[in-house]
Amino acid sequence: MIDPKKIEQLARQVHESMPKGIREFGDDVEKKIRQTLQAQLSRLDLVNREEFDVQTQVLLRTREKLAVLEQRVAALEGRAGSDAVIKTEDMQ
C-alpha cells in the first residue's frame, strides 16, 4: 500500500528534526517513529499512485461512454418528438 522507502524517509526526516537530546537515542527513536507512521498510515484507506492512475483512466473512459450515450438518448428523444408531431399532423 504505502512505499516502505517513503516511510523510512519520512521517519528519518522526523528524527532529524527532533531536538538533539532526543535524537541521541538514535536508531530506537527512528525505529519507533517508523513503526508509528506505518501503523497510522495503514489505518487510513489510501491507495498507491499506480492504483489511483488506473482508476482515473477508468473514470475518464466511463465519462466518455456516458457522453456518447447521452448524445444517443438526445437523438432518440428528438426523433420520438418529431414522430409525435408528424402523427399529430396526420390526424388533423
N, C-alpha and C. Protein backbone atom coordinates (compact mmCIF):
# COMPACT_ATOMS: atom_id res chain seq x y z
N MET A 1 0.83 -1.18 0.00
CA MET A 1 0.00 0.00 0.00
C MET A 1 0.88 1.25 0.00
N ILE A 2 1.56 1.55 1.09
CA ILE A 2 2.46 2.70 1.18
C ILE A 2 3.88 2.19 0.96
N ASP A 3 4.64 2.92 0.19
CA ASP A 3 6.01 2.54 -0.11
C ASP A 3 6.86 2.61 1.17
N PRO A 4 7.44 1.49 1.59
CA PRO A 4 8.25 1.48 2.82
C PRO A 4 9.42 2.45 2.77
N LYS A 5 9.95 2.68 1.58
CA LYS A 5 11.06 3.64 1.46
C LYS A 5 10.61 5.05 1.81
N LYS A 6 9.38 5.39 1.41
CA LYS A 6 8.84 6.71 1.73
C LYS A 6 8.66 6.85 3.25
N ILE A 7 8.20 5.78 3.89
CA ILE A 7 8.01 5.82 5.34
C ILE A 7 9.35 5.98 6.03
N GLU A 8 10.36 5.25 5.57
CA GLU A 8 11.70 5.37 6.15
C GLU A 8 12.23 6.79 5.97
N GLN A 9 12.01 7.36 4.80
CA GLN A 9 12.47 8.72 4.54
C GLN A 9 11.77 9.71 5.46
N LEU A 10 10.46 9.55 5.62
CA LEU A 10 9.69 10.42 6.49
C LEU A 10 10.13 10.26 7.94
N ALA A 11 10.35 9.02 8.36
CA ALA A 11 10.81 8.76 9.73
C ALA A 11 12.17 9.40 9.96
N ARG A 12 13.04 9.32 8.98
CA ARG A 12 14.38 9.92 9.09
C ARG A 12 14.26 11.44 9.19
N GLN A 13 13.37 12.03 8.40
CA GLN A 13 13.19 13.48 8.45
C GLN A 13 12.65 13.92 9.81
N VAL A 14 11.69 13.16 10.34
CA VAL A 14 11.16 13.49 11.67
C VAL A 14 12.26 13.35 12.70
N HIS A 15 13.03 12.29 12.61
CA HIS A 15 14.12 12.03 13.55
C HIS A 15 15.14 13.17 13.51
N GLU A 16 15.50 13.62 12.31
CA GLU A 16 16.48 14.68 12.16
C GLU A 16 15.97 16.02 12.63
N SER A 17 14.65 16.21 12.62
CA SER A 17 14.09 17.49 13.05
C SER A 17 13.88 17.56 14.56
N MET A 18 14.10 16.45 15.25
CA MET A 18 13.91 16.43 16.70
C MET A 18 15.09 17.12 17.40
N PRO A 19 14.86 17.60 18.60
CA PRO A 19 15.95 18.21 19.36
C PRO A 19 17.09 17.20 19.57
N LYS A 20 18.30 17.74 19.70
CA LYS A 20 19.49 16.90 19.75
C LYS A 20 19.44 15.89 20.90
N GLY A 21 18.94 16.28 22.05
CA GLY A 21 18.88 15.37 23.19
C GLY A 21 18.04 14.13 22.91
N ILE A 22 16.94 14.31 22.24
CA ILE A 22 16.07 13.17 21.90
C ILE A 22 16.70 12.37 20.76
N ARG A 23 17.33 13.07 19.84
CA ARG A 23 17.94 12.41 18.69
C ARG A 23 19.05 11.46 19.10
N GLU A 24 19.67 11.71 20.23
CA GLU A 24 20.79 10.88 20.68
C GLU A 24 20.36 9.44 20.99
N PHE A 25 19.07 9.23 21.17
CA PHE A 25 18.61 7.87 21.38
C PHE A 25 18.78 7.03 20.12
N GLY A 26 18.97 7.74 18.99
CA GLY A 26 19.38 7.10 17.75
C GLY A 26 18.38 6.20 17.10
N ASP A 27 18.84 5.00 16.78
CA ASP A 27 18.05 4.06 15.98
C ASP A 27 16.73 3.69 16.63
N ASP A 28 16.70 3.62 17.96
CA ASP A 28 15.46 3.24 18.64
C ASP A 28 14.36 4.25 18.36
N VAL A 29 14.72 5.54 18.41
CA VAL A 29 13.72 6.57 18.16
C VAL A 29 13.25 6.51 16.71
N GLU A 30 14.18 6.39 15.79
CA GLU A 30 13.81 6.33 14.37
C GLU A 30 12.96 5.09 14.09
N LYS A 31 13.31 3.97 14.69
CA LYS A 31 12.55 2.73 14.50
C LYS A 31 11.13 2.90 15.04
N LYS A 32 11.01 3.52 16.21
CA LYS A 32 9.69 3.72 16.82
C LYS A 32 8.86 4.69 15.97
N ILE A 33 9.49 5.74 15.46
CA ILE A 33 8.79 6.69 14.58
C ILE A 33 8.29 5.97 13.34
N ARG A 34 9.14 5.13 12.74
CA ARG A 34 8.77 4.39 11.54
C ARG A 34 7.59 3.46 11.83
N GLN A 35 7.62 2.76 12.96
CA GLN A 35 6.53 1.86 13.32
C GLN A 35 5.23 2.63 13.52
N THR A 36 5.34 3.77 14.20
CA THR A 36 4.14 4.58 14.45
C THR A 36 3.57 5.12 13.14
N LEU A 37 4.43 5.61 12.28
CA LEU A 37 3.96 6.10 10.97
C LEU A 37 3.30 5.00 10.17
N GLN A 38 3.93 3.83 10.15
CA GLN A 38 3.37 2.70 9.40
C GLN A 38 2.00 2.33 9.94
N ALA A 39 1.89 2.27 11.27
CA ALA A 39 0.61 1.90 11.89
C ALA A 39 -0.47 2.93 11.58
N GLN A 40 -0.15 4.20 11.69
CA GLN A 40 -1.15 5.24 11.46
C GLN A 40 -1.54 5.32 9.98
N LEU A 41 -0.57 5.21 9.11
CA LEU A 41 -0.88 5.28 7.67
C LEU A 41 -1.66 4.06 7.20
N SER A 42 -1.40 2.91 7.81
CA SER A 42 -2.14 1.71 7.39
C SER A 42 -3.60 1.78 7.84
N ARG A 43 -3.88 2.58 8.85
CA ARG A 43 -5.27 2.74 9.30
C ARG A 43 -6.08 3.59 8.33
N LEU A 44 -5.38 4.41 7.54
CA LEU A 44 -6.06 5.22 6.54
C LEU A 44 -6.37 4.37 5.32
N ASP A 45 -7.42 4.73 4.64
CA ASP A 45 -7.81 3.97 3.45
C ASP A 45 -7.18 4.64 2.23
N LEU A 46 -5.89 4.40 2.04
CA LEU A 46 -5.15 5.04 0.96
C LEU A 46 -4.84 4.05 -0.15
N VAL A 47 -4.65 4.59 -1.34
CA VAL A 47 -4.22 3.77 -2.46
C VAL A 47 -2.89 4.33 -2.96
N ASN A 48 -2.12 3.49 -3.61
CA ASN A 48 -0.86 3.99 -4.15
C ASN A 48 -1.13 4.73 -5.46
N ARG A 49 -0.12 5.39 -5.96
CA ARG A 49 -0.25 6.23 -7.15
C ARG A 49 -0.69 5.42 -8.37
N GLU A 50 -0.14 4.22 -8.50
CA GLU A 50 -0.49 3.38 -9.65
C GLU A 50 -1.98 3.04 -9.65
N GLU A 51 -2.52 2.64 -8.51
CA GLU A 51 -3.94 2.33 -8.42
C GLU A 51 -4.78 3.57 -8.71
N PHE A 52 -4.34 4.71 -8.21
CA PHE A 52 -5.05 5.96 -8.45
C PHE A 52 -5.09 6.28 -9.94
N ASP A 53 -3.96 6.14 -10.61
CA ASP A 53 -3.89 6.43 -12.04
C ASP A 53 -4.78 5.48 -12.85
N VAL A 54 -4.81 4.22 -12.47
CA VAL A 54 -5.67 3.25 -13.15
C VAL A 54 -7.13 3.66 -13.00
N GLN A 55 -7.53 4.00 -11.78
CA GLN A 55 -8.92 4.39 -11.55
C GLN A 55 -9.26 5.69 -12.27
N THR A 56 -8.30 6.59 -12.39
CA THR A 56 -8.52 7.83 -13.14
C THR A 56 -8.82 7.52 -14.59
N GLN A 57 -8.07 6.59 -15.17
CA GLN A 57 -8.29 6.21 -16.57
C GLN A 57 -9.66 5.53 -16.74
N VAL A 58 -10.03 4.69 -15.80
CA VAL A 58 -11.35 4.04 -15.85
C VAL A 58 -12.45 5.10 -15.81
N LEU A 59 -12.29 6.08 -14.92
CA LEU A 59 -13.28 7.14 -14.82
C LEU A 59 -13.37 7.95 -16.11
N LEU A 60 -12.25 8.26 -16.72
CA LEU A 60 -12.26 9.00 -17.98
C LEU A 60 -12.98 8.23 -19.08
N ARG A 61 -12.70 6.92 -19.18
CA ARG A 61 -13.39 6.10 -20.20
C ARG A 61 -14.89 6.04 -19.91
N THR A 62 -15.25 5.95 -18.66
CA THR A 62 -16.66 5.90 -18.29
C THR A 62 -17.36 7.20 -18.65
N ARG A 63 -16.69 8.31 -18.40
CA ARG A 63 -17.27 9.61 -18.76
C ARG A 63 -17.45 9.73 -20.27
N GLU A 64 -16.49 9.23 -21.03
CA GLU A 64 -16.60 9.28 -22.50
C GLU A 64 -17.79 8.45 -22.96
N LYS A 65 -17.94 7.27 -22.40
CA LYS A 65 -19.08 6.41 -22.77
C LYS A 65 -20.40 7.07 -22.39
N LEU A 66 -20.43 7.72 -21.23
CA LEU A 66 -21.64 8.40 -20.78
C LEU A 66 -22.00 9.54 -21.73
N ALA A 67 -21.02 10.28 -22.19
CA ALA A 67 -21.28 11.38 -23.13
C ALA A 67 -21.88 10.84 -24.43
N VAL A 68 -21.34 9.73 -24.93
CA VAL A 68 -21.86 9.12 -26.15
C VAL A 68 -23.30 8.66 -25.93
N LEU A 69 -23.57 8.02 -24.80
CA LEU A 69 -24.92 7.55 -24.52
C LEU A 69 -25.90 8.72 -24.37
N GLU A 70 -25.46 9.79 -23.75
CA GLU A 70 -26.33 10.97 -23.61
C GLU A 70 -26.68 11.54 -24.98
N GLN A 71 -25.72 11.55 -25.90
CA GLN A 71 -25.99 12.03 -27.25
C GLN A 71 -26.99 11.13 -27.96
N ARG A 72 -26.83 9.82 -27.79
CA ARG A 72 -27.75 8.88 -28.43
C ARG A 72 -29.17 9.04 -27.88
N VAL A 73 -29.29 9.20 -26.56
CA VAL A 73 -30.60 9.38 -25.95
C VAL A 73 -31.24 10.67 -26.46
N ALA A 74 -30.45 11.75 -26.54
CA ALA A 74 -30.98 13.01 -27.05
C ALA A 74 -31.45 12.86 -28.49
N ALA A 75 -30.69 12.13 -29.29
CA ALA A 75 -31.08 11.91 -30.69
C ALA A 75 -32.37 11.10 -30.76
N LEU A 76 -32.46 10.06 -29.95
CA LEU A 76 -33.68 9.24 -29.94
C LEU A 76 -34.88 10.04 -29.45
N GLU A 77 -34.67 10.86 -28.44
CA GLU A 77 -35.77 11.70 -27.95
C GLU A 77 -36.20 12.70 -29.02
N GLY A 78 -35.22 13.23 -29.74
CA GLY A 78 -35.54 14.17 -30.82
C GLY A 78 -36.34 13.50 -31.91
N ARG A 79 -35.94 12.28 -32.24
CA ARG A 79 -36.68 11.53 -33.26
C ARG A 79 -38.08 11.20 -32.78
N ALA A 80 -38.20 10.78 -31.53
CA ALA A 80 -39.51 10.43 -30.99
C ALA A 80 -40.40 11.67 -30.95
N GLY A 81 -39.83 12.81 -30.63
CA GLY A 81 -40.60 14.06 -30.61
C GLY A 81 -41.07 14.45 -31.99
N SER A 82 -40.21 14.30 -32.99
CA SER A 82 -40.60 14.66 -34.36
C SER A 82 -41.62 13.66 -34.91
N ASP A 83 -41.52 12.38 -34.53
CA ASP A 83 -42.51 11.38 -34.95
C ASP A 83 -43.87 11.72 -34.36
N ALA A 84 -43.89 12.18 -33.12
CA ALA A 84 -45.15 12.53 -32.47
C ALA A 84 -45.79 13.73 -33.16
N VAL A 85 -44.98 14.68 -33.60
CA VAL A 85 -45.50 15.86 -34.30
C VAL A 85 -46.08 15.43 -35.63
N ILE A 86 -45.39 14.54 -36.34
CA ILE A 86 -45.87 14.07 -37.66
C ILE A 86 -47.19 13.33 -37.48
N LYS A 87 -47.31 12.48 -36.48
CA LYS A 87 -48.55 11.72 -36.26
C LYS A 87 -49.68 12.67 -35.90
N THR A 88 -49.40 13.69 -35.12
CA THR A 88 -50.43 14.66 -34.75
C THR A 88 -50.91 15.41 -35.99
N GLU A 89 -49.99 15.78 -36.87
CA GLU A 89 -50.37 16.49 -38.08
C GLU A 89 -51.19 15.60 -39.00
N ASP A 90 -50.90 14.30 -39.04
CA ASP A 90 -51.66 13.38 -39.88
C ASP A 90 -53.10 13.23 -39.39
N MET A 91 -53.31 13.32 -38.10
CA MET A 91 -54.64 13.17 -37.53
C MET A 91 -55.52 14.38 -37.84
N GLN A 92 -54.93 15.49 -38.07
CA GLN A 92 -55.75 16.70 -38.28
C GLN A 92 -56.24 16.79 -39.65
